[in-house]
């Protein structure tokens, strides 16, 4: 029994998840930021035909899984895909796949290069051991398509609009574009309510007179969110962080989580136990 458990644990570390059917596994493959190239897709399709039941499952976190891989085929299937440049996914008490939207490479609303950030995080932290599991999401703007508030560490593109009054003609394009009601035209000049502004940049995109510009563009960071049986929203840690700040905070978060987290404890549960301010002071120092 112990030997079987040890085998399953080893397989899980390579991305193989045990199914309800005995000695059957769903093979999770790596797709950082939801991106795979055409050659990788062909290799995954071939593996699904050869080792599975001829189909793949696209997970809720941009992952790809091949169900119904037999225990005796797991090593061969993994090796074959690796030769095609398709690596195994992550499961268990580890950093999971990094999810990301297109970001400013493709999406007209994107404020940051999500794919670049996701790749950089992946290269440094993917599969790293942690007390329970750690999920990371990178989204390009406050539309929050990949739900950064619902993950252990969420990154969201944000930009702070600044008004150049001498250029403003009171046309109200920015006022109409703001879905949060954060802009009002008074005496033919735009006024921003900073309490209502969510740093999405829609007003900047709408302005045709160069009266609104990005004062600063960066990342809003959320920590401690999770779904599951006991869901919880992530706490906003910092707005408009640059990449250097982002990766400094991420590294300190890993150090804190590994040092203070109990076995099987999610990051948000750690905050509940020790208090969020203790963590905030350490990572923002």
C-alpha atoms as a PDB file:
ATOM      1  CA  UNK A   1       0.000   0.000   0.000  1.00  0.00           C
ATOM      2  CA  UNK A   2       2.800   2.444   0.910  1.00  0.00           C
ATOM      3  CA  UNK A   3       4.638   1.582  -2.305  1.00  0.00           C
ATOM      4  CA  UNK A   4       1.509   2.327  -4.347  1.00  0.00           C
ATOM      5  CA  UNK A   5       1.019   5.669  -2.613  1.00  0.00           C
ATOM      6  CA  UNK A   6       4.650   6.535  -3.256  1.00  0.00           C
ATOM      7  CA  UNK A   7       4.261   5.701  -6.950  1.00  0.00           C
ATOM      8  CA  UNK A   8       1.138   7.854  -7.251  1.00  0.00           C
ATOM      9  CA  UNK A   9       2.891  10.729  -5.505  1.00  0.00           C
ATOM     10  CA  UNK A  10       5.785  10.478  -7.933  1.00  0.00           C
ATOM     11  CA  UNK A  11       3.422  10.387 -10.896  1.00  0.00           C
ATOM     12  CA  UNK A  12       1.522  13.399  -9.607  1.00  0.00           C
ATOM     13  CA  UNK A  13       4.785  15.351  -9.471  1.00  0.00           C
ATOM     14  CA  UNK A  14       5.074  14.743 -13.234  1.00  0.00           C
ATOM     15  CA  UNK A  15       1.534  15.911 -13.935  1.00  0.00           C
ATOM     16  CA  UNK A  16      -0.295  12.557 -13.857  1.00  0.00           C
ATOM     17  CA  UNK A  17      -3.573  12.719 -11.919  1.00  0.00           C
ATOM     18  CA  UNK A  18      -5.159   9.434 -10.784  1.00  0.00           C
ATOM     19  CA  UNK A  19      -8.607   8.811 -12.235  1.00  0.00           C
ATOM     20  CA  UNK A  20     -11.497   6.998 -10.572  1.00  0.00           C
ATOM     21  CA  UNK A  21     -10.648   4.000 -12.745  1.00  0.00           C
ATOM     22  CA  UNK A  22      -7.869   1.898 -11.246  1.00  0.00           C
ATOM     23  CA  UNK A  23      -4.430   2.393 -12.836  1.00  0.00           C
ATOM     24  CA  UNK A  24      -5.754   5.095 -15.165  1.00  0.00           C
ATOM     25  CA  UNK A  25      -4.338   8.616 -15.196  1.00  0.00           C
ATOM     26  CA  UNK A  26      -5.118  11.970 -16.744  1.00  0.00           C
ATOM     27  CA  UNK A  27      -1.868  13.395 -18.102  1.00  0.00           C
ATOM     28  CA  UNK A  28      -1.588  17.135 -17.533  1.00  0.00           C
ATOM     29  CA  UNK A  29       0.714  19.016 -19.899  1.00  0.00           C
ATOM     30  CA  UNK A  30       2.222  22.441 -19.492  1.00  0.00           C
ATOM     31  CA  UNK A  31       0.680  25.400 -21.319  1.00  0.00           C
ATOM     32  CA  UNK A  32       2.092  28.551 -19.734  1.00  0.00           C
ATOM     33  CA  UNK A  33      -0.296  31.445 -20.160  1.00  0.00           C
ATOM     34  CA  UNK A  34      -2.591  29.167 -22.173  1.00  0.00           C
ATOM     35  CA  UNK A  35      -0.153  29.287 -25.087  1.00  0.00           C
ATOM     36  CA  UNK A  36       0.985  26.294 -27.141  1.00  0.00           C
ATOM     37  CA  UNK A  37       2.297  26.343 -30.682  1.00  0.00           C
ATOM     38  CA  UNK A  38       0.920  24.358 -33.620  1.00  0.00           C
ATOM     39  CA  UNK A  39       3.617  21.664 -33.475  1.00  0.00           C
ATOM     40  CA  UNK A  40       2.926  21.109 -29.780  1.00  0.00           C
ATOM     41  CA  UNK A  41      -0.802  20.847 -30.472  1.00  0.00           C
ATOM     42  CA  UNK A  42      -0.155  18.167 -33.075  1.00  0.00           C
ATOM     43  CA  UNK A  43       2.045  16.236 -30.649  1.00  0.00           C
ATOM     44  CA  UNK A  44      -0.639  16.445 -27.947  1.00  0.00           C
ATOM     45  CA  UNK A  45      -3.297  15.249 -30.405  1.00  0.00           C
ATOM     46  CA  UNK A  46      -1.092  12.314 -31.460  1.00  0.00           C
ATOM     47  CA  UNK A  47      -0.489  11.401 -27.802  1.00  0.00           C
ATOM     48  CA  UNK A  48      -4.227  11.517 -27.094  1.00  0.00           C
ATOM     49  CA  UNK A  49      -4.819   9.075 -29.954  1.00  0.00           C
ATOM     50  CA  UNK A  50      -1.945   6.791 -28.985  1.00  0.00           C
ATOM     51  CA  UNK A  51      -2.177   6.745 -25.184  1.00  0.00           C
ATOM     52  CA  UNK A  52      -5.668   8.026 -24.349  1.00  0.00           C
ATOM     53  CA  UNK A  53      -9.156   7.853 -25.782  1.00  0.00           C
ATOM     54  CA  UNK A  54      -8.521  10.271 -28.627  1.00  0.00           C
ATOM     55  CA  UNK A  55      -9.553  13.531 -26.967  1.00  0.00           C
ATOM     56  CA  UNK A  56      -8.153  16.165 -24.630  1.00  0.00           C
ATOM     57  CA  UNK A  57      -9.727  18.135 -21.809  1.00  0.00           C
ATOM     58  CA  UNK A  58      -9.178  21.913 -21.658  1.00  0.00           C
ATOM     59  CA  UNK A  59      -9.220  22.842 -17.982  1.00  0.00           C
ATOM     60  CA  UNK A  60     -10.630  25.963 -16.343  1.00  0.00           C
ATOM     61  CA  UNK A  61      -7.056  27.249 -15.813  1.00  0.00           C
ATOM     62  CA  UNK A  62      -5.913  27.067 -19.445  1.00  0.00           C
ATOM     63  CA  UNK A  63      -4.459  23.619 -18.953  1.00  0.00           C
ATOM     64  CA  UNK A  64      -4.543  20.605 -21.270  1.00  0.00           C
ATOM     65  CA  UNK A  65      -5.082  17.073 -20.001  1.00  0.00           C
ATOM     66  CA  UNK A  66      -5.120  13.717 -21.800  1.00  0.00           C
ATOM     67  CA  UNK A  67      -7.406  11.336 -19.880  1.00  0.00           C
ATOM     68  CA  UNK A  68      -7.291   7.528 -19.799  1.00  0.00           C
ATOM     69  CA  UNK A  69      -3.532   7.027 -19.914  1.00  0.00           C
ATOM     70  CA  UNK A  70      -2.690   3.564 -18.552  1.00  0.00           C
ATOM     71  CA  UNK A  71      -0.226   3.275 -15.680  1.00  0.00           C
ATOM     72  CA  UNK A  72       2.167   1.204 -17.781  1.00  0.00           C
ATOM     73  CA  UNK A  73       2.160   3.903 -20.506  1.00  0.00           C
ATOM     74  CA  UNK A  74       2.828   6.944 -18.311  1.00  0.00           C
ATOM     75  CA  UNK A  75       6.619   6.970 -18.641  1.00  0.00           C
ATOM     76  CA  UNK A  76       6.602   6.390 -22.389  1.00  0.00           C
ATOM     77  CA  UNK A  77       3.878   9.004 -22.983  1.00  0.00           C
ATOM     78  CA  UNK A  78       5.731  11.595 -20.910  1.00  0.00           C
ATOM     79  CA  UNK A  79       9.050  10.947 -22.661  1.00  0.00           C
ATOM     80  CA  UNK A  80       7.493  11.073 -26.103  1.00  0.00           C
ATOM     81  CA  UNK A  81       5.863  14.429 -25.473  1.00  0.00           C
ATOM     82  CA  UNK A  82       9.029  15.852 -23.957  1.00  0.00           C
ATOM     83  CA  UNK A  83      10.875  15.028 -27.172  1.00  0.00           C
ATOM     84  CA  UNK A  84       8.250  17.142 -28.970  1.00  0.00           C
ATOM     85  CA  UNK A  85       8.797  20.064 -26.593  1.00  0.00           C
ATOM     86  CA  UNK A  86       5.677  19.400 -24.508  1.00  0.00           C
ATOM     87  CA  UNK A  87       6.462  19.241 -20.796  1.00  0.00           C
ATOM     88  CA  UNK A  88       4.409  17.786 -17.984  1.00  0.00           C
ATOM     89  CA  UNK A  89       2.116  19.966 -15.888  1.00  0.00           C
ATOM     90  CA  UNK A  90       2.128  20.534 -12.149  1.00  0.00           C
ATOM     91  CA  UNK A  91       0.008  18.983  -9.428  1.00  0.00           C
ATOM     92  CA  UNK A  92       0.162  18.447  -5.685  1.00  0.00           C
ATOM     93  CA  UNK A  93       1.908  20.819  -3.267  1.00  0.00           C
ATOM     94  CA  UNK A  94       3.620  22.881  -5.924  1.00  0.00           C
ATOM     95  CA  UNK A  95       3.346  26.065  -7.937  1.00  0.00           C
ATOM     96  CA  UNK A  96       0.730  25.343 -10.561  1.00  0.00           C
ATOM     97  CA  UNK A  97       0.574  26.444 -14.194  1.00  0.00           C
ATOM     98  CA  UNK A  98       0.731  30.216 -14.671  1.00  0.00           C
ATOM     99  CA  UNK A  99      -2.438  31.482 -16.361  1.00  0.00           C
ATOM    100  CA  UNK A 100      -2.472  34.671 -18.408  1.00  0.00           C
ATOM    101  CA  UNK A 101      -4.548  36.520 -20.968  1.00  0.00           C
ATOM    102  CA  UNK A 102      -3.151  37.852 -24.263  1.00  0.00           C
ATOM    103  CA  UNK A 103      -2.213  41.172 -22.648  1.00  0.00           C
ATOM    104  CA  UNK A 104      -1.101  44.137 -24.725  1.00  0.00           C
ATOM    105  CA  UNK A 105       0.418  41.864 -27.377  1.00  0.00           C
ATOM    106  CA  UNK A 106      -3.062  41.167 -28.776  1.00  0.00           C
ATOM    107  CA  UNK A 107      -5.900  42.673 -26.723  1.00  0.00           C
ATOM    108  CA  UNK A 108      -6.777  46.329 -27.305  1.00  0.00           C
ATOM    109  CA  UNK A 109      -7.553  46.716 -23.596  1.00  0.00           C
ATOM    110  CA  UNK A 110      -4.307  45.134 -22.421  1.00  0.00           C
ATOM    111  CA  UNK A 111      -2.041  47.412 -20.395  1.00  0.00           C
ATOM    112  CA  UNK A 112       0.882  45.054 -19.682  1.00  0.00           C
ATOM    113  CA  UNK A 113       2.692  42.224 -21.497  1.00  0.00           C
ATOM    114  CA  UNK A 114       1.006  39.338 -19.674  1.00  0.00           C
ATOM    115  CA  UNK A 115       2.626  36.578 -21.706  1.00  0.00           C
ATOM    116  CA  UNK A 116       6.132  37.900 -21.046  1.00  0.00           C
ATOM    117  CA  UNK A 117       5.463  38.210 -17.314  1.00  0.00           C
ATOM    118  CA  UNK A 118       3.887  34.749 -17.181  1.00  0.00           C
ATOM    119  CA  UNK A 119       6.885  33.188 -18.957  1.00  0.00           C
ATOM    120  CA  UNK A 120       9.281  34.885 -16.576  1.00  0.00           C
ATOM    121  CA  UNK A 121       7.340  33.661 -13.527  1.00  0.00           C
ATOM    122  CA  UNK A 122       7.109  30.176 -15.034  1.00  0.00           C
ATOM    123  CA  UNK A 123      10.841  29.947 -15.693  1.00  0.00           C
ATOM    124  CA  UNK A 124      11.652  30.766 -12.079  1.00  0.00           C
ATOM    125  CA  UNK A 125       8.861  29.222 -10.035  1.00  0.00           C
ATOM    126  CA  UNK A 126       6.860  26.585 -11.930  1.00  0.00           C
ATOM    127  CA  UNK A 127       6.650  23.326 -10.002  1.00  0.00           C
ATOM    128  CA  UNK A 128       8.411  24.722  -6.927  1.00  0.00           C
ATOM    129  CA  UNK A 129       7.323  23.023  -3.655  1.00  0.00           C
ATOM    130  CA  UNK A 130       5.047  25.005  -1.308  1.00  0.00           C
ATOM    131  CA  UNK A 131       2.984  24.084   1.797  1.00  0.00           C
ATOM    132  CA  UNK A 132      -0.194  23.373  -0.192  1.00  0.00           C
ATOM    133  CA  UNK A 133      -0.410  24.753  -3.731  1.00  0.00           C
ATOM    134  CA  UNK A 134       0.103  28.183  -5.211  1.00  0.00           C
ATOM    135  CA  UNK A 135      -1.804  29.456  -8.218  1.00  0.00           C
ATOM    136  CA  UNK A 136      -0.710  32.562 -10.127  1.00  0.00           C
ATOM    137  CA  UNK A 137      -2.707  34.565 -12.683  1.00  0.00           C
ATOM    138  CA  UNK A 138      -1.647  37.512 -14.854  1.00  0.00           C
ATOM    139  CA  UNK A 139      -4.339  39.639 -16.497  1.00  0.00           C
ATOM    140  CA  UNK A 140      -3.911  42.652 -18.750  1.00  0.00           C
ATOM    141  CA  UNK A 141      -6.458  45.092 -17.336  1.00  0.00           C
ATOM    142  CA  UNK A 142      -9.207  45.508 -14.706  1.00  0.00           C
ATOM    143  CA  UNK A 143     -11.608  43.486 -16.849  1.00  0.00           C
ATOM    144  CA  UNK A 144      -9.749  40.695 -15.042  1.00  0.00           C
ATOM    145  CA  UNK A 145     -10.489  37.921 -17.563  1.00  0.00           C
ATOM    146  CA  UNK A 146      -8.278  35.364 -15.777  1.00  0.00           C
ATOM    147  CA  UNK A 147      -9.637  36.225 -12.287  1.00  0.00           C
ATOM    148  CA  UNK A 148      -6.519  37.469 -10.449  1.00  0.00           C
ATOM    149  CA  UNK A 149      -8.606  38.150  -7.327  1.00  0.00           C
ATOM    150  CA  UNK A 150      -9.442  34.437  -7.102  1.00  0.00           C
ATOM    151  CA  UNK A 151      -5.861  33.143  -7.050  1.00  0.00           C
ATOM    152  CA  UNK A 152      -3.102  32.956  -4.464  1.00  0.00           C
ATOM    153  CA  UNK A 153      -1.071  35.593  -6.323  1.00  0.00           C
ATOM    154  CA  UNK A 154      -2.831  37.732  -8.911  1.00  0.00           C
ATOM    155  CA  UNK A 155      -1.294  40.343 -11.208  1.00  0.00           C
ATOM    156  CA  UNK A 156      -3.490  42.883 -13.025  1.00  0.00           C
ATOM    157  CA  UNK A 157      -2.425  45.557 -15.496  1.00  0.00           C
ATOM    158  CA  UNK A 158      -3.370  49.076 -14.411  1.00  0.00           C
ATOM    159  CA  UNK A 159      -2.718  52.649 -15.483  1.00  0.00           C
ATOM    160  CA  UNK A 160      -3.251  55.968 -13.737  1.00  0.00           C
ATOM    161  CA  UNK A 161      -4.817  58.654 -15.956  1.00  0.00           C
ATOM    162  CA  UNK A 162      -3.539  62.210 -15.718  1.00  0.00           C
ATOM    163  CA  UNK A 163      -5.392  65.220 -17.152  1.00  0.00           C
ATOM    164  CA  UNK A 164      -3.729  67.876 -19.306  1.00  0.00           C
ATOM    165  CA  UNK A 165      -6.259  70.643 -18.750  1.00  0.00           C
ATOM    166  CA  UNK A 166      -4.908  72.846 -21.530  1.00  0.00           C
ATOM    167  CA  UNK A 167      -5.876  70.170 -24.073  1.00  0.00           C
ATOM    168  CA  UNK A 168      -9.309  69.327 -22.678  1.00  0.00           C
ATOM    169  CA  UNK A 169     -12.272  70.706 -24.668  1.00  0.00           C
ATOM    170  CA  UNK A 170     -15.022  69.144 -22.560  1.00  0.00           C
ATOM    171  CA  UNK A 171     -16.200  66.784 -25.327  1.00  0.00           C
ATOM    172  CA  UNK A 172     -17.344  64.156 -22.774  1.00  0.00           C
ATOM    173  CA  UNK A 173     -15.854  61.200 -24.640  1.00  0.00           C
ATOM    174  CA  UNK A 174     -13.934  60.170 -21.518  1.00  0.00           C
ATOM    175  CA  UNK A 175     -17.011  60.616 -19.335  1.00  0.00           C
ATOM    176  CA  UNK A 176     -19.025  58.283 -21.578  1.00  0.00           C
ATOM    177  CA  UNK A 177     -16.185  55.744 -21.783  1.00  0.00           C
ATOM    178  CA  UNK A 178     -15.770  55.408 -18.015  1.00  0.00           C
ATOM    179  CA  UNK A 179     -17.962  52.557 -16.826  1.00  0.00           C
ATOM    180  CA  UNK A 180     -17.271  53.384 -13.170  1.00  0.00           C
ATOM    181  CA  UNK A 181     -18.623  56.956 -13.267  1.00  0.00           C
ATOM    182  CA  UNK A 182     -15.213  58.227 -12.188  1.00  0.00           C
ATOM    183  CA  UNK A 183     -15.049  61.119 -14.682  1.00  0.00           C
ATOM    184  CA  UNK A 184     -17.264  64.170 -14.804  1.00  0.00           C
ATOM    185  CA  UNK A 185     -17.103  67.217 -17.067  1.00  0.00           C
ATOM    186  CA  UNK A 186     -17.414  70.417 -15.078  1.00  0.00           C
ATOM    187  CA  UNK A 187     -17.059  73.810 -16.774  1.00  0.00           C
ATOM    188  CA  UNK A 188     -15.790  72.083 -19.922  1.00  0.00           C
ATOM    189  CA  UNK A 189     -12.967  70.285 -18.074  1.00  0.00           C
ATOM    190  CA  UNK A 190     -12.631  66.627 -17.073  1.00  0.00           C
ATOM    191  CA  UNK A 191     -12.446  65.830 -13.353  1.00  0.00           C
ATOM    192  CA  UNK A 192     -11.376  62.380 -12.106  1.00  0.00           C
ATOM    193  CA  UNK A 193     -12.770  60.901  -8.891  1.00  0.00           C
ATOM    194  CA  UNK A 194      -9.780  58.892  -7.702  1.00  0.00           C
ATOM    195  CA  UNK A 195     -11.917  56.896  -5.280  1.00  0.00           C
ATOM    196  CA  UNK A 196     -14.006  55.529  -8.141  1.00  0.00           C
ATOM    197  CA  UNK A 197     -11.211  55.142 -10.712  1.00  0.00           C
ATOM    198  CA  UNK A 198     -10.125  51.503 -11.187  1.00  0.00           C
ATOM    199  CA  UNK A 199      -7.084  52.370 -13.332  1.00  0.00           C
ATOM    200  CA  UNK A 200      -8.407  50.681 -16.472  1.00  0.00           C
ATOM    201  CA  UNK A 201      -7.304  53.363 -18.958  1.00  0.00           C
ATOM    202  CA  UNK A 202     -10.591  53.416 -20.890  1.00  0.00           C
ATOM    203  CA  UNK A 203     -10.733  57.197 -20.617  1.00  0.00           C
ATOM    204  CA  UNK A 204      -7.233  57.543 -22.074  1.00  0.00           C
ATOM    205  CA  UNK A 205      -8.148  55.374 -25.060  1.00  0.00           C
ATOM    206  CA  UNK A 206     -11.326  57.380 -25.657  1.00  0.00           C
ATOM    207  CA  UNK A 207      -9.695  60.822 -25.624  1.00  0.00           C
ATOM    208  CA  UNK A 208      -8.949  62.265 -29.083  1.00  0.00           C
ATOM    209  CA  UNK A 209      -7.402  65.528 -27.887  1.00  0.00           C
ATOM    210  CA  UNK A 210      -4.420  64.166 -25.938  1.00  0.00           C
ATOM    211  CA  UNK A 211      -5.997  65.577 -22.777  1.00  0.00           C
ATOM    212  CA  UNK A 212      -5.627  62.293 -20.891  1.00  0.00           C
ATOM    213  CA  UNK A 213      -2.351  60.444 -20.598  1.00  0.00           C
ATOM    214  CA  UNK A 214      -1.010  57.515 -18.605  1.00  0.00           C
ATOM    215  CA  UNK A 215       0.747  58.996 -15.609  1.00  0.00           C
ATOM    216  CA  UNK A 216       2.059  55.561 -14.655  1.00  0.00           C
ATOM    217  CA  UNK A 217       1.369  52.028 -15.883  1.00  0.00           C
ATOM    218  CA  UNK A 218       2.099  48.968 -13.798  1.00  0.00           C
ATOM    219  CA  UNK A 219       0.586  46.057 -11.927  1.00  0.00           C
ATOM    220  CA  UNK A 220      -2.016  45.810  -9.207  1.00  0.00           C
ATOM    221  CA  UNK A 221      -1.168  42.814  -7.010  1.00  0.00           C
ATOM    222  CA  UNK A 222      -3.751  40.645  -5.230  1.00  0.00           C
ATOM    223  CA  UNK A 223      -2.796  37.917  -2.760  1.00  0.00           C
ATOM    224  CA  UNK A 224      -4.532  35.129  -0.878  1.00  0.00           C
ATOM    225  CA  UNK A 225      -7.494  34.464  -3.142  1.00  0.00           C
ATOM    226  CA  UNK A 226      -8.859  30.985  -3.781  1.00  0.00           C
ATOM    227  CA  UNK A 227     -11.850  29.042  -5.059  1.00  0.00           C
ATOM    228  CA  UNK A 228     -12.942  25.601  -3.906  1.00  0.00           C
ATOM    229  CA  UNK A 229     -15.109  24.579  -0.965  1.00  0.00           C
ATOM    230  CA  UNK A 230     -14.143  27.619   1.065  1.00  0.00           C
ATOM    231  CA  UNK A 231     -13.596  30.399  -1.503  1.00  0.00           C
ATOM    232  CA  UNK A 232     -12.132  33.762  -0.583  1.00  0.00           C
ATOM    233  CA  UNK A 233     -11.260  36.941  -2.471  1.00  0.00           C
ATOM    234  CA  UNK A 234      -7.669  38.029  -2.664  1.00  0.00           C
ATOM    235  CA  UNK A 235      -6.561  41.126  -0.800  1.00  0.00           C
ATOM    236  CA  UNK A 236      -5.227  44.077  -2.755  1.00  0.00           C
ATOM    237  CA  UNK A 237      -1.589  44.467  -1.789  1.00  0.00           C
ATOM    238  CA  UNK A 238      -0.244  47.191  -4.083  1.00  0.00           C
ATOM    239  CA  UNK A 239      -1.229  49.269  -7.107  1.00  0.00           C
ATOM    240  CA  UNK A 240       0.916  50.292 -10.077  1.00  0.00           C
ATOM    241  CA  UNK A 241       3.925  48.169  -9.154  1.00  0.00           C
ATOM    242  CA  UNK A 242       6.662  47.972 -11.785  1.00  0.00           C
ATOM    243  CA  UNK A 243       8.168  44.620 -12.816  1.00  0.00           C
ATOM    244  CA  UNK A 244      11.088  44.932 -10.415  1.00  0.00           C
ATOM    245  CA  UNK A 245       8.687  45.479  -7.501  1.00  0.00           C
ATOM    246  CA  UNK A 246       6.443  42.672  -8.726  1.00  0.00           C
ATOM    247  CA  UNK A 247       9.194  40.058  -8.749  1.00  0.00           C
ATOM    248  CA  UNK A 248      10.643  41.285  -5.464  1.00  0.00           C
ATOM    249  CA  UNK A 249       7.230  40.883  -3.818  1.00  0.00           C
ATOM    250  CA  UNK A 250       6.726  37.483  -5.416  1.00  0.00           C
ATOM    251  CA  UNK A 251      10.079  36.218  -4.145  1.00  0.00           C
ATOM    252  CA  UNK A 252       9.370  37.524  -0.631  1.00  0.00           C
ATOM    253  CA  UNK A 253       5.925  35.925  -0.772  1.00  0.00           C
ATOM    254  CA  UNK A 254       7.521  32.537  -1.495  1.00  0.00           C
ATOM    255  CA  UNK A 255       9.954  32.982   1.372  1.00  0.00           C
ATOM    256  CA  UNK A 256       7.161  33.959   3.755  1.00  0.00           C
ATOM    257  CA  UNK A 257       4.809  31.175   2.679  1.00  0.00           C
ATOM    258  CA  UNK A 258       7.457  28.471   2.962  1.00  0.00           C
ATOM    259  CA  UNK A 259       8.626  29.716   6.352  1.00  0.00           C
ATOM    260  CA  UNK A 260       5.286  30.434   8.031  1.00  0.00           C
ATOM    261  CA  UNK A 261       2.826  28.174   6.204  1.00  0.00           C
ATOM    262  CA  UNK A 262       1.669  24.949   7.792  1.00  0.00           C
ATOM    263  CA  UNK A 263       1.603  21.755   5.777  1.00  0.00           C
ATOM    264  CA  UNK A 264      -1.588  21.790   3.706  1.00  0.00           C
ATOM    265  CA  UNK A 265      -2.313  25.498   4.370  1.00  0.00           C
ATOM    266  CA  UNK A 266      -3.219  27.857   1.508  1.00  0.00           C
ATOM    267  CA  UNK A 267      -1.715  31.334   1.429  1.00  0.00           C
ATOM    268  CA  UNK A 268      -5.021  33.055   2.253  1.00  0.00           C
ATOM    269  CA  UNK A 269      -5.538  30.742   5.233  1.00  0.00           C
ATOM    270  CA  UNK A 270      -2.073  31.706   6.456  1.00  0.00           C
ATOM    271  CA  UNK A 271      -3.126  35.361   6.365  1.00  0.00           C
ATOM    272  CA  UNK A 272      -6.240  34.506   8.355  1.00  0.00           C
ATOM    273  CA  UNK A 273      -4.157  32.720  10.978  1.00  0.00           C
ATOM    274  CA  UNK A 274      -1.295  35.194  11.411  1.00  0.00           C
ATOM    275  CA  UNK A 275      -2.863  38.392  10.123  1.00  0.00           C
ATOM    276  CA  UNK A 276      -2.441  40.103   6.792  1.00  0.00           C
ATOM    277  CA  UNK A 277      -0.436  43.040   8.159  1.00  0.00           C
ATOM    278  CA  UNK A 278       2.423  40.781   9.248  1.00  0.00           C
ATOM    279  CA  UNK A 279       2.791  39.582   5.660  1.00  0.00           C
ATOM    280  CA  UNK A 280       2.303  43.056   4.157  1.00  0.00           C
ATOM    281  CA  UNK A 281       5.016  44.605   6.305  1.00  0.00           C
ATOM    282  CA  UNK A 282       7.501  41.893   5.385  1.00  0.00           C
ATOM    283  CA  UNK A 283       7.012  41.875   1.615  1.00  0.00           C
ATOM    284  CA  UNK A 284       6.705  45.664   1.207  1.00  0.00           C
ATOM    285  CA  UNK A 285       9.648  46.519   3.434  1.00  0.00           C
END
